[in-house]
Amino acid sequence: MFNRNKESWLIVGLGNPGKEYANTKHNCGFRAIDLIAGQLGCKIDKGKFQGLYGQTTYNGTKLYLLKPQTFMNLSGRSVLQMSAYYNIPPQRIIVLFDDISLEPGRLRIRSDGSAGGHNGIKSIIAELDSQEFPRVKIGVGAKPHKDADLAEWVLSGFTAQEEKALAVSLKNAADSALCIIEHGIYEAANRFNGSHP
């Protein structure tokens, strides 16, 4: 049994499992959390809580990194199971995910708020019965026109130019999650909100 340190944090990257989704817009959360894992030398390879997770420490703080394997719309089930098991409150659950209202390369950090139409966030809010969890929104760009199918858009890939901008924002997203833990949400927002390559 793990020591359930009351100051543990959970960082969740949202995405869909399966190689066919790996580089789609909807999988930016998975990609950002992989960067955090790489930075901290942590493998996200334990299967439990309807997800894949890893455990590490960052400056003395116990961290859990989670990639729900439920598919996007049911992400909250995995988050709830893991946070309940390790007794981690919503305020110490950081969620990294794609946002179509921001251009590739841009980030927005929020301490709480509504789902804003994102089904993964909607599921987490419903399962945790709380909107009060920090989130890092990673810009993927708006639909090409208002009649375009949203599901098709978020399951599409990026142009080479967008990938360049995205590489910067994924790194910033990873850094901002660790900044939230070390310095707090407002400091992270000051440093990273609106950041652009």
Protein backbone atom coordinates (compact mmCIF):
# COMPACT_ATOMS: atom_id res chain seq x y z
CA MET A 1 0.00 0.00 0.00
CA PHE A 2 1.31 3.45 -0.91
CA ASN A 3 1.70 6.09 1.73
CA ARG A 4 -1.26 8.38 1.01
CA ASN A 5 0.52 11.67 1.49
CA LYS A 6 -2.14 14.33 1.99
CA GLU A 7 -0.20 16.73 -0.22
CA SER A 8 -0.09 14.43 -3.27
CA TRP A 9 -1.04 15.89 -6.64
CA LEU A 10 -2.62 14.22 -9.66
CA ILE A 11 -1.83 15.48 -13.17
CA VAL A 12 -4.22 14.18 -15.83
CA GLY A 13 -3.60 14.36 -19.57
CA LEU A 14 -6.73 13.89 -21.69
CA GLY A 15 -6.83 11.97 -24.95
CA ASN A 16 -8.07 8.83 -26.67
CA PRO A 17 -6.20 5.50 -26.47
CA GLY A 18 -5.00 3.89 -29.69
CA LYS A 19 -2.30 4.71 -32.27
CA GLU A 20 -4.82 6.13 -34.73
CA TYR A 21 -5.54 9.01 -32.31
CA ALA A 22 -1.95 9.65 -31.19
CA ASN A 23 -1.32 12.87 -33.13
CA THR A 24 -4.84 14.27 -33.28
CA LYS A 25 -5.91 17.58 -31.75
CA HIS A 26 -7.85 15.77 -29.01
CA ASN A 27 -4.67 14.06 -27.76
CA CYS A 28 -2.65 17.12 -26.77
CA GLY A 29 -3.20 16.26 -23.10
CA PHE A 30 -1.57 12.84 -23.57
CA ARG A 31 1.36 14.45 -25.38
CA ALA A 32 1.89 17.10 -22.70
CA ILE A 33 1.82 14.57 -19.87
CA ASP A 34 4.32 12.42 -21.75
CA LEU A 35 6.67 15.42 -21.70
CA ILE A 36 6.24 15.77 -17.92
CA ALA A 37 6.91 12.05 -17.51
CA GLY A 38 10.07 12.34 -19.64
CA GLN A 39 11.26 15.36 -17.69
CA LEU A 40 10.80 13.58 -14.36
CA GLY A 41 12.02 10.17 -15.52
CA CYS A 42 8.62 8.60 -14.82
CA LYS A 43 7.05 5.74 -16.80
CA ILE A 44 3.27 5.94 -17.28
CA ASP A 45 2.80 2.20 -17.57
CA LYS A 46 0.77 0.95 -14.62
CA GLY A 47 -2.72 -0.17 -15.62
CA LYS A 48 -5.43 0.59 -13.05
CA PHE A 49 -8.33 2.99 -12.43
CA GLN A 50 -9.41 2.59 -16.10
CA GLY A 51 -6.20 4.35 -17.04
CA LEU A 52 -2.43 4.20 -17.34
CA TYR A 53 -0.52 5.97 -14.60
CA GLY A 54 2.89 6.55 -13.11
CA GLN A 55 4.10 7.72 -9.72
CA THR A 56 7.03 10.05 -9.10
CA THR A 57 8.11 13.00 -6.97
CA TYR A 58 8.79 16.61 -7.86
CA ASN A 59 10.77 18.69 -5.35
CA GLY A 60 9.63 16.41 -2.56
CA THR A 61 5.95 16.37 -3.60
CA LYS A 62 4.39 13.03 -4.55
CA LEU A 63 2.91 13.17 -8.06
CA TYR A 64 0.67 10.81 -9.96
CA LEU A 65 0.49 11.13 -13.75
CA LEU A 66 -2.65 9.70 -15.36
CA LYS A 67 -3.78 9.02 -18.93
CA PRO A 68 -7.42 7.81 -18.80
CA GLN A 69 -8.03 4.91 -21.21
CA THR A 70 -11.82 5.27 -21.23
CA PHE A 71 -11.97 7.42 -24.39
CA MET A 72 -12.49 11.13 -23.97
CA ASN A 73 -16.19 11.30 -23.07
CA LEU A 74 -15.78 9.06 -19.99
CA SER A 75 -12.46 10.46 -18.71
CA GLY A 76 -14.03 11.45 -15.40
CA ARG A 77 -14.51 7.82 -14.36
CA SER A 78 -10.78 7.20 -14.37
CA VAL A 79 -10.02 10.53 -12.62
CA LEU A 80 -12.59 9.85 -9.91
CA GLN A 81 -11.35 6.32 -9.20
CA MET A 82 -7.73 7.38 -8.88
CA SER A 83 -8.34 10.58 -6.89
CA ALA A 84 -10.68 8.74 -4.50
CA TYR A 85 -8.16 5.92 -3.95
CA TYR A 86 -5.31 8.31 -3.16
CA ASN A 87 -7.54 10.85 -1.40
CA ILE A 88 -6.59 13.75 -3.69
CA PRO A 89 -9.10 16.64 -3.70
CA PRO A 90 -10.13 18.44 -6.94
CA GLN A 91 -7.98 21.46 -6.02
CA ARG A 92 -4.87 19.25 -6.45
CA ILE A 93 -5.95 17.64 -9.73
CA ILE A 94 -4.44 19.42 -12.76
CA VAL A 95 -6.01 18.56 -16.12
CA LEU A 96 -4.19 19.16 -19.43
CA PHE A 97 -6.38 19.22 -22.55
CA ASP A 98 -6.99 20.65 -26.03
CA ASP A 99 -8.92 23.89 -26.57
CA ILE A 100 -10.35 24.96 -29.94
CA SER A 101 -10.81 28.58 -28.83
CA LEU A 102 -7.02 29.09 -28.73
CA GLU A 103 -4.61 29.04 -31.67
CA PRO A 104 -1.85 26.40 -31.73
CA GLY A 105 1.01 27.66 -29.58
CA ARG A 106 -1.21 29.41 -27.04
CA LEU A 107 -2.10 28.28 -23.52
CA ARG A 108 -4.67 29.29 -20.95
CA ILE A 109 -4.47 28.33 -17.29
CA ARG A 110 -7.60 28.42 -15.14
CA SER A 111 -8.21 27.53 -11.50
CA ASP A 112 -11.78 26.36 -12.16
CA GLY A 113 -14.78 26.94 -14.44
CA SER A 114 -17.28 25.23 -16.70
CA ALA A 115 -16.51 22.57 -19.32
CA GLY A 116 -16.72 25.08 -22.19
CA GLY A 117 -18.13 22.36 -24.44
CA HIS A 118 -15.22 19.95 -23.89
CA ASN A 119 -16.60 16.45 -23.28
CA GLY A 120 -13.61 15.22 -21.29
CA ILE A 121 -13.89 18.16 -18.87
CA LYS A 122 -17.67 17.72 -18.75
CA SER A 123 -17.17 14.11 -17.64
CA ILE A 124 -14.61 15.08 -14.95
CA ILE A 125 -16.89 17.80 -13.55
CA ALA A 126 -19.82 15.35 -13.44
CA GLU A 127 -17.83 12.56 -11.75
CA LEU A 128 -16.00 14.77 -9.22
CA ASP A 129 -19.13 16.88 -8.66
CA SER A 130 -16.83 19.90 -8.73
CA GLN A 131 -15.54 22.51 -11.19
CA GLU A 132 -12.76 23.50 -8.81
CA PHE A 133 -9.77 21.81 -10.37
CA PRO A 134 -6.90 23.61 -12.12
CA ARG A 135 -6.67 23.13 -15.85
CA VAL A 136 -4.18 23.90 -18.60
CA LYS A 137 -5.84 24.49 -21.97
CA ILE A 138 -3.64 23.81 -25.00
CA GLY A 139 -4.63 25.67 -28.16
CA VAL A 140 -5.41 23.56 -31.23
CA GLY A 141 -7.22 26.15 -33.35
CA ALA A 142 -10.85 26.76 -34.27
CA LYS A 143 -12.87 24.77 -36.80
CA PRO A 144 -12.18 25.95 -40.38
CA HIS A 145 -15.81 27.13 -40.70
CA LYS A 146 -18.82 27.12 -38.40
CA ASP A 147 -20.58 24.25 -40.20
CA ALA A 148 -17.55 21.94 -39.92
CA ASP A 149 -18.11 18.83 -37.80
CA LEU A 150 -16.51 19.35 -34.38
CA ALA A 151 -15.79 15.65 -33.78
CA GLU A 152 -14.04 15.38 -37.16
CA TRP A 153 -12.03 18.52 -36.42
CA VAL A 154 -10.71 17.45 -33.00
CA LEU A 155 -9.86 13.99 -34.38
CA SER A 156 -7.82 15.49 -37.23
CA GLY A 157 -4.08 16.15 -37.18
CA PHE A 158 -1.91 19.26 -37.47
CA THR A 159 -0.04 20.88 -40.36
CA ALA A 160 3.76 20.95 -40.13
CA GLN A 161 3.60 24.65 -39.22
CA GLU A 162 1.01 24.01 -36.49
CA GLU A 163 3.17 21.19 -35.11
CA LYS A 164 6.04 23.67 -34.68
CA ALA A 165 3.84 26.04 -32.68
CA LEU A 166 2.35 23.11 -30.78
CA ALA A 167 5.78 21.82 -29.72
CA VAL A 168 6.31 25.09 -27.84
CA SER A 169 2.89 25.06 -26.17
CA LEU A 170 3.17 21.40 -25.16
CA LYS A 171 6.49 22.18 -23.44
CA ASN A 172 4.91 25.24 -21.81
CA ALA A 173 1.91 23.15 -20.72
CA ALA A 174 4.23 20.62 -19.06
CA ASP A 175 6.21 23.41 -17.36
CA SER A 176 3.06 25.23 -16.27
CA ALA A 177 1.64 22.12 -14.55
CA LEU A 178 4.80 21.82 -12.45
CA CYS A 179 4.73 25.58 -11.84
CA ILE A 180 1.17 25.28 -10.45
CA ILE A 181 2.39 22.70 -7.94
CA GLU A 182 5.47 24.65 -6.91
CA HIS A 183 4.30 28.27 -7.09
CA GLY A 184 0.50 28.21 -7.32
CA ILE A 185 -2.07 28.76 -10.05
CA TYR A 186 -1.78 32.55 -10.22
CA GLU A 187 1.97 32.53 -10.69
CA ALA A 188 1.61 29.88 -13.40
CA ALA A 189 -1.11 31.92 -15.13
CA ASN A 190 1.07 35.04 -15.02
CA ARG A 191 3.97 33.19 -16.57
CA PHE A 192 2.23 31.11 -19.19
CA ASN A 193 -1.21 32.49 -20.12
CA GLY A 194 -1.28 33.62 -23.71
CA SER A 195 2.29 32.41 -24.25
CA HIS A 196 3.06 32.14 -27.92
CA PRO A 197 6.03 30.88 -29.93
